[in-house]
Amino acid sequence: MPPAARPGQGRFSRQHALMLVLALEILVVGAYNADRYRRPGISVDVPATRGHVIV
């Protein structure tokens, strides 16, 4: 039988551990980059006189 089809094998293989570490790394790096990245935006000053708008 192929290794994946053997009954009663509840071993945590090296391949599973590597996949888990890779998934965790992707989540951590993605969260770090998402928190760090800010889209460039337009800075608008608030007018000093109430009711006036900037055109």
PDB file of N, CA and C in Angstrom:
ATOM      1  N   MET A   1       0.839  -1.194   0.000  1.00  0.00           N
ATOM      2  CA  MET A   1       0.000   0.000   0.000  1.00  0.00           C
ATOM      3  C   MET A   1       0.877   1.248   0.000  1.00  0.00           C
ATOM      4  N   PRO A   2       0.373   2.322  -0.622  1.00  0.00           N
ATOM      5  CA  PRO A   2       1.128   3.579  -0.554  1.00  0.00           C
ATOM      6  C   PRO A   2       1.165   4.102   0.875  1.00  0.00           C
ATOM      7  N   PRO A   3       2.147   4.911   1.202  1.00  0.00           N
ATOM      8  CA  PRO A   3       2.291   5.394   2.582  1.00  0.00           C
ATOM      9  C   PRO A   3       1.049   6.113   3.110  1.00  0.00           C
ATOM     10  N   ALA A   4       0.323   6.824   2.257  1.00  0.00           N
ATOM     11  CA  ALA A   4      -0.835   7.578   2.728  1.00  0.00           C
ATOM     12  C   ALA A   4      -2.031   6.679   3.024  1.00  0.00           C
ATOM     13  N   ALA A   5      -2.032   5.444   2.482  1.00  0.00           N
ATOM     14  CA  ALA A   5      -3.194   4.568   2.633  1.00  0.00           C
ATOM     15  C   ALA A   5      -3.009   3.522   3.725  1.00  0.00           C
ATOM     16  N   ARG A   6      -1.907   3.528   4.411  1.00  0.00           N
ATOM     17  CA  ARG A   6      -1.683   2.543   5.473  1.00  0.00           C
ATOM     18  C   ARG A   6      -2.619   2.784   6.643  1.00  0.00           C
ATOM     19  N   PRO A   7      -3.358   1.760   7.046  1.00  0.00           N
ATOM     20  CA  PRO A   7      -4.260   1.953   8.186  1.00  0.00           C
ATOM     21  C   PRO A   7      -3.490   2.025   9.501  1.00  0.00           C
ATOM     22  N   GLY A   8      -3.982   2.833  10.401  1.00  0.00           N
ATOM     23  CA  GLY A   8      -3.391   2.903  11.731  1.00  0.00           C
ATOM     24  C   GLY A   8      -2.146   3.750  11.836  1.00  0.00           C
ATOM     25  N   GLN A   9      -1.806   4.455  10.783  1.00  0.00           N
ATOM     26  CA  GLN A   9      -0.599   5.284  10.861  1.00  0.00           C
ATOM     27  C   GLN A   9      -1.012   6.706  11.229  1.00  0.00           C
ATOM     28  N   GLY A  10      -0.844   7.048  12.487  1.00  0.00           N
ATOM     29  CA  GLY A  10      -1.205   8.371  12.958  1.00  0.00           C
ATOM     30  C   GLY A  10       0.013   9.225  13.183  1.00  0.00           C
ATOM     31  N   ARG A  11       1.079   8.925  12.472  1.00  0.00           N
ATOM     32  CA  ARG A  11       2.335   9.642  12.661  1.00  0.00           C
ATOM     33  C   ARG A  11       2.301  11.002  11.977  1.00  0.00           C
ATOM     34  N   PHE A  12       2.893  11.959  12.611  1.00  0.00           N
ATOM     35  CA  PHE A  12       3.012  13.301  12.044  1.00  0.00           C
ATOM     36  C   PHE A  12       4.300  13.321  11.242  1.00  0.00           C
ATOM     37  N   SER A  13       4.184  13.238   9.926  1.00  0.00           N
ATOM     38  CA  SER A  13       5.368  13.089   9.088  1.00  0.00           C
ATOM     39  C   SER A  13       6.127  14.405   8.930  1.00  0.00           C
ATOM     40  N   ARG A  14       7.335  14.285   8.435  1.00  0.00           N
ATOM     41  CA  ARG A  14       8.173  15.459   8.199  1.00  0.00           C
ATOM     42  C   ARG A  14       7.554  16.362   7.140  1.00  0.00           C
ATOM     43  N   GLN A  15       6.922  15.753   6.149  1.00  0.00           N
ATOM     44  CA  GLN A  15       6.285  16.539   5.092  1.00  0.00           C
ATOM     45  C   GLN A  15       5.136  17.380   5.663  1.00  0.00           C
ATOM     46  N   HIS A  16       4.353  16.790   6.560  1.00  0.00           N
ATOM     47  CA  HIS A  16       3.271  17.549   7.185  1.00  0.00           C
ATOM     48  C   HIS A  16       3.828  18.698   8.031  1.00  0.00           C
ATOM     49  N   ALA A  17       4.911  18.434   8.726  1.00  0.00           N
ATOM     50  CA  ALA A  17       5.520  19.479   9.553  1.00  0.00           C
ATOM     51  C   ALA A  17       6.030  20.627   8.683  1.00  0.00           C
ATOM     52  N   LEU A  18       6.653  20.302   7.553  1.00  0.00           N
ATOM     53  CA  LEU A  18       7.154  21.344   6.658  1.00  0.00           C
ATOM     54  C   LEU A  18       6.010  22.163   6.067  1.00  0.00           C
ATOM     55  N   MET A  19       4.920  21.489   5.697  1.00  0.00           N
ATOM     56  CA  MET A  19       3.768  22.213   5.157  1.00  0.00           C
ATOM     57  C   MET A  19       3.155  23.129   6.211  1.00  0.00           C
ATOM     58  N   LEU A  20       3.101  22.652   7.446  1.00  0.00           N
ATOM     59  CA  LEU A  20       2.550  23.464   8.526  1.00  0.00           C
ATOM     60  C   LEU A  20       3.427  24.682   8.806  1.00  0.00           C
ATOM     61  N   VAL A  21       4.733  24.488   8.814  1.00  0.00           N
ATOM     62  CA  VAL A  21       5.664  25.603   9.038  1.00  0.00           C
ATOM     63  C   VAL A  21       5.560  26.615   7.901  1.00  0.00           C
ATOM     64  N   LEU A  22       5.459  26.135   6.666  1.00  0.00           N
ATOM     65  CA  LEU A  22       5.335  27.031   5.522  1.00  0.00           C
ATOM     66  C   LEU A  22       4.034  27.834   5.594  1.00  0.00           C
ATOM     67  N   ALA A  23       2.936  27.180   5.949  1.00  0.00           N
ATOM     68  CA  ALA A  23       1.657  27.889   6.070  1.00  0.00           C
ATOM     69  C   ALA A  23       1.722  28.939   7.175  1.00  0.00           C
ATOM     70  N   LEU A  24       2.338  28.596   8.285  1.00  0.00           N
ATOM     71  CA  LEU A  24       2.472  29.547   9.393  1.00  0.00           C
ATOM     72  C   LEU A  24       3.338  30.737   8.981  1.00  0.00           C
ATOM     73  N   GLU A  25       4.413  30.460   8.254  1.00  0.00           N
ATOM     74  CA  GLU A  25       5.289  31.540   7.793  1.00  0.00           C
ATOM     75  C   GLU A  25       4.546  32.476   6.842  1.00  0.00           C
ATOM     76  N   ILE A  26       3.740  31.912   5.949  1.00  0.00           N
ATOM     77  CA  ILE A  26       2.974  32.730   5.012  1.00  0.00           C
ATOM     78  C   ILE A  26       1.990  33.620   5.766  1.00  0.00           C
ATOM     79  N   LEU A  27       1.335  33.072   6.781  1.00  0.00           N
ATOM     80  CA  LEU A  27       0.391  33.863   7.573  1.00  0.00           C
ATOM     81  C   LEU A  27       1.089  34.994   8.321  1.00  0.00           C
ATOM     82  N   VAL A  28       2.226  34.693   8.928  1.00  0.00           N
ATOM     83  CA  VAL A  28       2.941  35.702   9.715  1.00  0.00           C
ATOM     84  C   VAL A  28       3.489  36.804   8.814  1.00  0.00           C
ATOM     85  N   VAL A  29       4.135  36.424   7.720  1.00  0.00           N
ATOM     86  CA  VAL A  29       4.712  37.424   6.811  1.00  0.00           C
ATOM     87  C   VAL A  29       3.605  38.246   6.157  1.00  0.00           C
ATOM     88  N   GLY A  30       2.501  37.601   5.787  1.00  0.00           N
ATOM     89  CA  GLY A  30       1.378  38.319   5.194  1.00  0.00           C
ATOM     90  C   GLY A  30       0.770  39.319   6.157  1.00  0.00           C
ATOM     91  N   ALA A  31       0.604  38.919   7.406  1.00  0.00           N
ATOM     92  CA  ALA A  31       0.038  39.826   8.406  1.00  0.00           C
ATOM     93  C   ALA A  31       0.983  40.996   8.666  1.00  0.00           C
ATOM     94  N   TYR A  32       2.280  40.725   8.692  1.00  0.00           N
ATOM     95  CA  TYR A  32       3.260  41.795   8.909  1.00  0.00           C
ATOM     96  C   TYR A  32       3.233  42.791   7.751  1.00  0.00           C
ATOM     97  N   ASN A  33       3.213  42.284   6.532  1.00  0.00           N
ATOM     98  CA  ASN A  33       3.212  43.172   5.368  1.00  0.00           C
ATOM     99  C   ASN A  33       1.900  43.930   5.243  1.00  0.00           C
ATOM    100  N   ALA A  34       0.792  43.319   5.598  1.00  0.00           N
ATOM    101  CA  ALA A  34      -0.494  44.005   5.517  1.00  0.00           C
ATOM    102  C   ALA A  34      -0.559  45.124   6.547  1.00  0.00           C
ATOM    103  N   ASP A  35       0.030  44.912   7.708  1.00  0.00           N
ATOM    104  CA  ASP A  35       0.021  45.933   8.747  1.00  0.00           C
ATOM    105  C   ASP A  35       0.969  47.079   8.393  1.00  0.00           C
ATOM    106  N   ARG A  36       2.059  46.756   7.722  1.00  0.00           N
ATOM    107  CA  ARG A  36       3.082  47.750   7.399  1.00  0.00           C
ATOM    108  C   ARG A  36       2.695  48.581   6.180  1.00  0.00           C
ATOM    109  N   TYR A  37       2.009  47.967   5.220  1.00  0.00           N
ATOM    110  CA  TYR A  37       1.711  48.636   3.955  1.00  0.00           C
ATOM    111  C   TYR A  37       0.567  49.624   4.121  1.00  0.00           C
ATOM    112  N   ARG A  38       0.775  50.822   3.661  1.00  0.00           N
ATOM    113  CA  ARG A  38      -0.273  51.841   3.659  1.00  0.00           C
ATOM    114  C   ARG A  38      -0.387  52.397   2.244  1.00  0.00           C
ATOM    115  N   ARG A  39      -1.592  52.456   1.736  1.00  0.00           N
ATOM    116  CA  ARG A  39      -1.787  53.016   0.405  1.00  0.00           C
ATOM    117  C   ARG A  39      -1.543  54.521   0.436  1.00  0.00           C
ATOM    118  N   PRO A  40      -0.964  55.047  -0.630  1.00  0.00           N
ATOM    119  CA  PRO A  40      -0.797  56.493  -0.685  1.00  0.00           C
ATOM    120  C   PRO A  40      -2.163  57.167  -0.772  1.00  0.00           C
ATOM    121  N   GLY A  41      -2.359  58.183   0.007  1.00  0.00           N
ATOM    122  CA  GLY A  41      -3.643  58.872   0.013  1.00  0.00           C
ATOM    123  C   GLY A  41      -3.465  60.357  -0.203  1.00  0.00           C
ATOM    124  N   ILE A  42      -4.567  61.040  -0.294  1.00  0.00           N
ATOM    125  CA  ILE A  42      -4.549  62.493  -0.480  1.00  0.00           C
ATOM    126  C   ILE A  42      -4.727  63.137   0.886  1.00  0.00           C
ATOM    127  N   SER A  43      -3.828  64.015   1.219  1.00  0.00           N
ATOM    128  CA  SER A  43      -3.914  64.719   2.491  1.00  0.00           C
ATOM    129  C   SER A  43      -4.714  66.003   2.291  1.00  0.00           C
ATOM    130  N   VAL A  44      -5.764  66.167   3.080  1.00  0.00           N
ATOM    131  CA  VAL A  44      -6.626  67.344   2.969  1.00  0.00           C
ATOM    132  C   VAL A  44      -6.590  68.083   4.293  1.00  0.00           C
ATOM    133  N   ASP A  45      -6.341  69.383   4.223  1.00  0.00           N
ATOM    134  CA  ASP A  45      -6.356  70.213   5.427  1.00  0.00           C
ATOM    135  C   ASP A  45      -7.793  70.606   5.759  1.00  0.00           C
ATOM    136  N   VAL A  46      -8.087  70.644   7.023  1.00  0.00           N
ATOM    137  CA  VAL A  46      -9.406  71.077   7.476  1.00  0.00           C
ATOM    138  C   VAL A  46      -9.441  72.597   7.426  1.00  0.00           C
ATOM    139  N   PRO A  47     -10.479  73.188   6.807  1.00  0.00           N
ATOM    140  CA  PRO A  47     -10.532  74.653   6.734  1.00  0.00           C
ATOM    141  C   PRO A  47     -10.707  75.270   8.116  1.00  0.00           C
ATOM    142  N   ALA A  48     -10.127  76.446   8.290  1.00  0.00           N
ATOM    143  CA  ALA A  48     -10.195  77.128   9.584  1.00  0.00           C
ATOM    144  C   ALA A  48     -11.584  77.697   9.841  1.00  0.00           C
ATOM    145  N   THR A  49     -12.287  78.067   8.777  1.00  0.00           N
ATOM    146  CA  THR A  49     -13.621  78.650   8.927  1.00  0.00           C
ATOM    147  C   THR A  49     -14.670  77.562   8.757  1.00  0.00           C
ATOM    148  N   ARG A  50     -15.544  77.466   9.727  1.00  0.00           N
ATOM    149  CA  ARG A  50     -16.567  76.428   9.686  1.00  0.00           C
ATOM    150  C   ARG A  50     -17.533  76.683   8.524  1.00  0.00           C
ATOM    151  N   GLY A  51     -17.865  75.628   7.816  1.00  0.00           N
ATOM    152  CA  GLY A  51     -18.791  75.746   6.695  1.00  0.00           C
ATOM    153  C   GLY A  51     -18.102  75.970   5.361  1.00  0.00           C
ATOM    154  N   HIS A  52     -16.830  76.315   5.371  1.00  0.00           N
ATOM    155  CA  HIS A  52     -16.097  76.493   4.119  1.00  0.00           C
ATOM    156  C   HIS A  52     -15.565  75.142   3.651  1.00  0.00           C
ATOM    157  N   VAL A  53     -15.454  75.019   2.357  1.00  0.00           N
ATOM    158  CA  VAL A  53     -14.929  73.775   1.797  1.00  0.00           C
ATOM    159  C   VAL A  53     -13.714  74.088   0.943  1.00  0.00           C
ATOM    160  N   ILE A  54     -12.881  73.093   0.780  1.00  0.00           N
ATOM    161  CA  ILE A  54     -11.708  73.236  -0.081  1.00  0.00           C
ATOM    162  C   ILE A  54     -12.086  72.696  -1.450  1.00  0.00           C
ATOM    163  N   VAL A  55     -11.883  73.526  -2.481  1.00  0.00           N
ATOM    164  CA  VAL A  55     -12.261  73.120  -3.840  1.00  0.00           C
ATOM    165  C   VAL A  55     -11.008  72.826  -4.625  1.00  0.00           C
TER     166      VAL A  55
END
